[in-house]
Protein backbone atom coordinates (compact mmCIF):
# COMPACT_ATOMS: atom_id res chain seq x y z
CA UNK A 1 0.00 0.00 0.00
CA UNK A 2 1.37 3.43 -0.84
CA UNK A 3 2.05 5.78 2.04
CA UNK A 4 -0.95 7.91 2.89
CA UNK A 5 -0.56 11.16 4.76
CA UNK A 6 -3.31 12.66 6.90
CA UNK A 7 -3.77 15.40 4.25
CA UNK A 8 -4.77 12.70 1.75
CA UNK A 9 -7.97 12.11 3.74
CA UNK A 10 -9.84 14.95 2.05
CA UNK A 11 -13.23 13.30 1.57
CA UNK A 12 -15.88 13.21 4.30
CA UNK A 13 -18.13 10.15 4.37
CA UNK A 14 -20.81 8.88 6.74
CA UNK A 15 -20.87 5.24 7.86
CA UNK A 16 -24.06 3.46 8.92
CA UNK A 17 -24.78 -0.08 10.12
CA UNK A 18 -28.13 -1.90 9.93
CA UNK A 19 -30.49 -0.87 12.69
CA UNK A 20 -33.48 -2.70 14.11
CA UNK A 21 -36.34 -3.62 11.74
CA UNK A 22 -39.26 -1.19 11.80
CA UNK A 23 -42.82 -2.53 11.37
CA UNK A 24 -44.65 -1.09 8.37
CA UNK A 25 -48.40 -0.64 7.76
CA UNK A 26 -48.60 -3.81 5.63
CA UNK A 27 -47.55 -6.17 8.43
CA UNK A 28 -43.96 -6.38 7.21
CA UNK A 29 -40.80 -4.61 8.15
CA UNK A 30 -38.55 -1.98 6.66
CA UNK A 31 -34.82 -1.79 7.20
CA UNK A 32 -33.41 1.04 9.25
CA UNK A 33 -29.86 2.36 9.42
CA UNK A 34 -27.99 3.69 12.44
CA UNK A 35 -25.04 6.10 12.24
CA UNK A 36 -21.78 4.73 13.61
CA UNK A 37 -20.08 6.65 16.41
CA UNK A 38 -18.51 8.74 15.07
CA UNK A 39 -20.51 8.63 11.84
CA UNK A 40 -18.48 11.17 9.83
CA UNK A 41 -15.02 10.01 8.83
CA UNK A 42 -12.27 11.63 6.74
CA UNK A 43 -10.93 9.26 4.09
CA UNK A 44 -9.27 9.09 0.66
CA UNK A 45 -11.73 7.96 -2.02
CA UNK A 46 -10.48 6.69 -5.38
CA UNK A 47 -12.38 5.08 -8.24
CA UNK A 48 -11.37 1.48 -8.87
CA UNK A 49 -10.10 0.79 -12.39
CA UNK A 50 -12.85 -0.62 -14.63
CA UNK A 51 -10.91 -3.82 -15.36
CA UNK A 52 -10.71 -4.47 -11.61
CA UNK A 53 -14.50 -4.58 -11.37
CA UNK A 54 -15.44 -6.51 -14.52
CA UNK A 55 -17.76 -9.49 -14.23
CA UNK A 56 -19.78 -11.69 -16.58
CA UNK A 57 -23.18 -10.27 -17.38
CA UNK A 58 -26.33 -12.41 -17.38
CA UNK A 59 -26.02 -14.98 -20.16
CA UNK A 60 -22.25 -14.97 -19.87
CA UNK A 61 -21.58 -13.48 -23.31
CA UNK A 62 -20.85 -9.91 -22.32
CA UNK A 63 -18.69 -8.28 -19.71
CA UNK A 64 -20.25 -5.67 -17.46
CA UNK A 65 -18.45 -3.27 -15.17
CA UNK A 66 -19.70 -2.14 -11.80
CA UNK A 67 -18.47 1.26 -10.66
CA UNK A 68 -16.61 0.73 -7.41
CA UNK A 69 -14.54 2.81 -5.05
CA UNK A 70 -11.46 2.15 -2.96
CA UNK A 71 -11.59 3.96 0.38
CA UNK A 72 -8.56 4.39 2.64
CA UNK A 73 -8.52 5.93 6.07
CA UNK A 74 -7.78 5.55 9.72
CA UNK A 75 -9.25 2.37 11.18
CA UNK A 76 -12.90 2.59 12.24
CA UNK A 77 -13.73 -0.50 14.27
CA UNK A 78 -17.46 -0.29 13.49
CA UNK A 79 -17.02 -0.69 9.70
CA UNK A 80 -17.64 -4.11 8.15
CA UNK A 81 -19.23 -5.57 5.03
CA UNK A 82 -22.63 -4.97 6.69
CA UNK A 83 -21.88 -1.22 6.69
CA UNK A 84 -23.08 1.27 4.12
CA UNK A 85 -21.35 4.52 3.28
CA UNK A 86 -22.83 7.83 2.16
CA UNK A 87 -20.50 9.85 -0.05
CA UNK A 88 -21.51 12.97 -2.01
CA UNK A 89 -25.21 12.12 -1.59
CA UNK A 90 -24.84 8.57 -2.93
CA UNK A 91 -25.13 5.34 -0.98
CA UNK A 92 -22.46 2.65 -1.29
CA UNK A 93 -22.38 -0.89 0.08
CA UNK A 94 -19.06 -1.89 1.64
CA UNK A 95 -18.03 -5.06 -0.19
CA UNK A 96 -14.59 -5.56 1.34
CA UNK A 97 -12.82 -4.36 4.46
CA UNK A 98 -9.28 -5.03 5.62
CA UNK A 99 -6.54 -3.59 7.76
CA UNK A 100 -4.16 -1.69 5.49
CA UNK A 101 -1.10 -1.90 7.71
CA UNK A 102 0.54 -4.24 10.19
CA UNK A 103 -0.46 -2.03 13.13
CA UNK A 104 -4.15 -2.16 12.14
CA UNK A 105 -4.34 1.63 12.45
CA UNK A 106 -5.55 2.15 8.85
CA UNK A 107 -8.18 0.43 6.76
CA UNK A 108 -8.82 -0.16 3.08
CA UNK A 109 -12.40 -0.67 1.91
CA UNK A 110 -14.06 -1.57 -1.37
CA UNK A 111 -17.51 -0.15 -2.05
CA UNK A 112 -20.12 -0.38 -4.80
CA UNK A 113 -22.92 2.10 -5.41
CA UNK A 114 -26.38 0.88 -4.42
CA UNK A 115 -29.09 1.62 -6.93
C-alpha atoms as a PDB file:
ATOM      1  CA  UNK A   1       0.000   0.000   0.000  1.00  0.00           C
ATOM      2  CA  UNK A   2       1.367   3.434  -0.842  1.00  0.00           C
ATOM      3  CA  UNK A   3       2.055   5.776   2.044  1.00  0.00           C
ATOM      4  CA  UNK A   4      -0.950   7.910   2.889  1.00  0.00           C
ATOM      5  CA  UNK A   5      -0.565  11.160   4.759  1.00  0.00           C
ATOM      6  CA  UNK A   6      -3.307  12.664   6.899  1.00  0.00           C
ATOM      7  CA  UNK A   7      -3.773  15.401   4.249  1.00  0.00           C
ATOM      8  CA  UNK A   8      -4.770  12.700   1.747  1.00  0.00           C
ATOM      9  CA  UNK A   9      -7.973  12.107   3.743  1.00  0.00           C
ATOM     10  CA  UNK A  10      -9.837  14.952   2.052  1.00  0.00           C
ATOM     11  CA  UNK A  11     -13.229  13.296   1.567  1.00  0.00           C
ATOM     12  CA  UNK A  12     -15.879  13.214   4.295  1.00  0.00           C
ATOM     13  CA  UNK A  13     -18.128  10.151   4.366  1.00  0.00           C
ATOM     14  CA  UNK A  14     -20.810   8.880   6.737  1.00  0.00           C
ATOM     15  CA  UNK A  15     -20.872   5.239   7.858  1.00  0.00           C
ATOM     16  CA  UNK A  16     -24.061   3.463   8.924  1.00  0.00           C
ATOM     17  CA  UNK A  17     -24.783  -0.076  10.122  1.00  0.00           C
ATOM     18  CA  UNK A  18     -28.126  -1.896   9.925  1.00  0.00           C
ATOM     19  CA  UNK A  19     -30.492  -0.867  12.692  1.00  0.00           C
ATOM     20  CA  UNK A  20     -33.480  -2.703  14.108  1.00  0.00           C
ATOM     21  CA  UNK A  21     -36.340  -3.621  11.741  1.00  0.00           C
ATOM     22  CA  UNK A  22     -39.263  -1.189  11.798  1.00  0.00           C
ATOM     23  CA  UNK A  23     -42.818  -2.526  11.366  1.00  0.00           C
ATOM     24  CA  UNK A  24     -44.647  -1.095   8.374  1.00  0.00           C
ATOM     25  CA  UNK A  25     -48.400  -0.638   7.764  1.00  0.00           C
ATOM     26  CA  UNK A  26     -48.603  -3.810   5.633  1.00  0.00           C
ATOM     27  CA  UNK A  27     -47.554  -6.169   8.431  1.00  0.00           C
ATOM     28  CA  UNK A  28     -43.958  -6.383   7.207  1.00  0.00           C
ATOM     29  CA  UNK A  29     -40.800  -4.609   8.155  1.00  0.00           C
ATOM     30  CA  UNK A  30     -38.551  -1.977   6.662  1.00  0.00           C
ATOM     31  CA  UNK A  31     -34.819  -1.787   7.200  1.00  0.00           C
ATOM     32  CA  UNK A  32     -33.409   1.043   9.246  1.00  0.00           C
ATOM     33  CA  UNK A  33     -29.860   2.357   9.423  1.00  0.00           C
ATOM     34  CA  UNK A  34     -27.986   3.687  12.442  1.00  0.00           C
ATOM     35  CA  UNK A  35     -25.039   6.097  12.240  1.00  0.00           C
ATOM     36  CA  UNK A  36     -21.781   4.734  13.612  1.00  0.00           C
ATOM     37  CA  UNK A  37     -20.076   6.652  16.407  1.00  0.00           C
ATOM     38  CA  UNK A  38     -18.507   8.738  15.071  1.00  0.00           C
ATOM     39  CA  UNK A  39     -20.509   8.630  11.839  1.00  0.00           C
ATOM     40  CA  UNK A  40     -18.485  11.167   9.826  1.00  0.00           C
ATOM     41  CA  UNK A  41     -15.022  10.013   8.825  1.00  0.00           C
ATOM     42  CA  UNK A  42     -12.270  11.632   6.740  1.00  0.00           C
ATOM     43  CA  UNK A  43     -10.927   9.264   4.087  1.00  0.00           C
ATOM     44  CA  UNK A  44      -9.272   9.088   0.663  1.00  0.00           C
ATOM     45  CA  UNK A  45     -11.733   7.955  -2.023  1.00  0.00           C
ATOM     46  CA  UNK A  46     -10.484   6.689  -5.381  1.00  0.00           C
ATOM     47  CA  UNK A  47     -12.375   5.079  -8.245  1.00  0.00           C
ATOM     48  CA  UNK A  48     -11.367   1.484  -8.875  1.00  0.00           C
ATOM     49  CA  UNK A  49     -10.102   0.792 -12.387  1.00  0.00           C
ATOM     50  CA  UNK A  50     -12.853  -0.620 -14.629  1.00  0.00           C
ATOM     51  CA  UNK A  51     -10.913  -3.817 -15.363  1.00  0.00           C
ATOM     52  CA  UNK A  52     -10.705  -4.474 -11.608  1.00  0.00           C
ATOM     53  CA  UNK A  53     -14.501  -4.580 -11.368  1.00  0.00           C
ATOM     54  CA  UNK A  54     -15.439  -6.511 -14.520  1.00  0.00           C
ATOM     55  CA  UNK A  55     -17.764  -9.487 -14.228  1.00  0.00           C
ATOM     56  CA  UNK A  56     -19.775 -11.693 -16.577  1.00  0.00           C
ATOM     57  CA  UNK A  57     -23.184 -10.267 -17.382  1.00  0.00           C
ATOM     58  CA  UNK A  58     -26.326 -12.408 -17.383  1.00  0.00           C
ATOM     59  CA  UNK A  59     -26.024 -14.975 -20.158  1.00  0.00           C
ATOM     60  CA  UNK A  60     -22.247 -14.970 -19.867  1.00  0.00           C
ATOM     61  CA  UNK A  61     -21.576 -13.480 -23.308  1.00  0.00           C
ATOM     62  CA  UNK A  62     -20.854  -9.911 -22.316  1.00  0.00           C
ATOM     63  CA  UNK A  63     -18.694  -8.279 -19.706  1.00  0.00           C
ATOM     64  CA  UNK A  64     -20.245  -5.668 -17.458  1.00  0.00           C
ATOM     65  CA  UNK A  65     -18.453  -3.273 -15.168  1.00  0.00           C
ATOM     66  CA  UNK A  66     -19.698  -2.141 -11.804  1.00  0.00           C
ATOM     67  CA  UNK A  67     -18.474   1.263 -10.660  1.00  0.00           C
ATOM     68  CA  UNK A  68     -16.609   0.730  -7.414  1.00  0.00           C
ATOM     69  CA  UNK A  69     -14.538   2.813  -5.050  1.00  0.00           C
ATOM     70  CA  UNK A  70     -11.464   2.153  -2.959  1.00  0.00           C
ATOM     71  CA  UNK A  71     -11.587   3.959   0.383  1.00  0.00           C
ATOM     72  CA  UNK A  72      -8.558   4.389   2.635  1.00  0.00           C
ATOM     73  CA  UNK A  73      -8.524   5.931   6.068  1.00  0.00           C
ATOM     74  CA  UNK A  74      -7.783   5.546   9.720  1.00  0.00           C
ATOM     75  CA  UNK A  75      -9.254   2.367  11.177  1.00  0.00           C
ATOM     76  CA  UNK A  76     -12.902   2.594  12.243  1.00  0.00           C
ATOM     77  CA  UNK A  77     -13.729  -0.503  14.275  1.00  0.00           C
ATOM     78  CA  UNK A  78     -17.460  -0.286  13.489  1.00  0.00           C
ATOM     79  CA  UNK A  79     -17.017  -0.693   9.704  1.00  0.00           C
ATOM     80  CA  UNK A  80     -17.644  -4.114   8.149  1.00  0.00           C
ATOM     81  CA  UNK A  81     -19.234  -5.569   5.025  1.00  0.00           C
ATOM     82  CA  UNK A  82     -22.628  -4.966   6.690  1.00  0.00           C
ATOM     83  CA  UNK A  83     -21.884  -1.219   6.694  1.00  0.00           C
ATOM     84  CA  UNK A  84     -23.082   1.271   4.118  1.00  0.00           C
ATOM     85  CA  UNK A  85     -21.345   4.523   3.277  1.00  0.00           C
ATOM     86  CA  UNK A  86     -22.826   7.832   2.164  1.00  0.00           C
ATOM     87  CA  UNK A  87     -20.503   9.852  -0.049  1.00  0.00           C
ATOM     88  CA  UNK A  88     -21.509  12.967  -2.005  1.00  0.00           C
ATOM     89  CA  UNK A  89     -25.210  12.119  -1.589  1.00  0.00           C
ATOM     90  CA  UNK A  90     -24.840   8.569  -2.929  1.00  0.00           C
ATOM     91  CA  UNK A  91     -25.135   5.336  -0.978  1.00  0.00           C
ATOM     92  CA  UNK A  92     -22.456   2.650  -1.289  1.00  0.00           C
ATOM     93  CA  UNK A  93     -22.377  -0.893   0.075  1.00  0.00           C
ATOM     94  CA  UNK A  94     -19.055  -1.889   1.638  1.00  0.00           C
ATOM     95  CA  UNK A  95     -18.030  -5.061  -0.192  1.00  0.00           C
ATOM     96  CA  UNK A  96     -14.586  -5.557   1.336  1.00  0.00           C
ATOM     97  CA  UNK A  97     -12.825  -4.356   4.463  1.00  0.00           C
ATOM     98  CA  UNK A  98      -9.284  -5.032   5.622  1.00  0.00           C
ATOM     99  CA  UNK A  99      -6.536  -3.586   7.758  1.00  0.00           C
ATOM    100  CA  UNK A 100      -4.164  -1.693   5.486  1.00  0.00           C
ATOM    101  CA  UNK A 101      -1.098  -1.897   7.709  1.00  0.00           C
ATOM    102  CA  UNK A 102       0.544  -4.240  10.192  1.00  0.00           C
ATOM    103  CA  UNK A 103      -0.456  -2.027  13.129  1.00  0.00           C
ATOM    104  CA  UNK A 104      -4.151  -2.155  12.143  1.00  0.00           C
ATOM    105  CA  UNK A 105      -4.338   1.631  12.447  1.00  0.00           C
ATOM    106  CA  UNK A 106      -5.548   2.153   8.854  1.00  0.00           C
ATOM    107  CA  UNK A 107      -8.182   0.428   6.756  1.00  0.00           C
ATOM    108  CA  UNK A 108      -8.823  -0.156   3.078  1.00  0.00           C
ATOM    109  CA  UNK A 109     -12.396  -0.666   1.906  1.00  0.00           C
ATOM    110  CA  UNK A 110     -14.065  -1.573  -1.369  1.00  0.00           C
ATOM    111  CA  UNK A 111     -17.514  -0.145  -2.052  1.00  0.00           C
ATOM    112  CA  UNK A 112     -20.119  -0.378  -4.801  1.00  0.00           C
ATOM    113  CA  UNK A 113     -22.916   2.104  -5.406  1.00  0.00           C
ATOM    114  CA  UNK A 114     -26.377   0.877  -4.423  1.00  0.00           C
ATOM    115  CA  UNK A 115     -29.085   1.619  -6.933  1.00  0.00           C
END
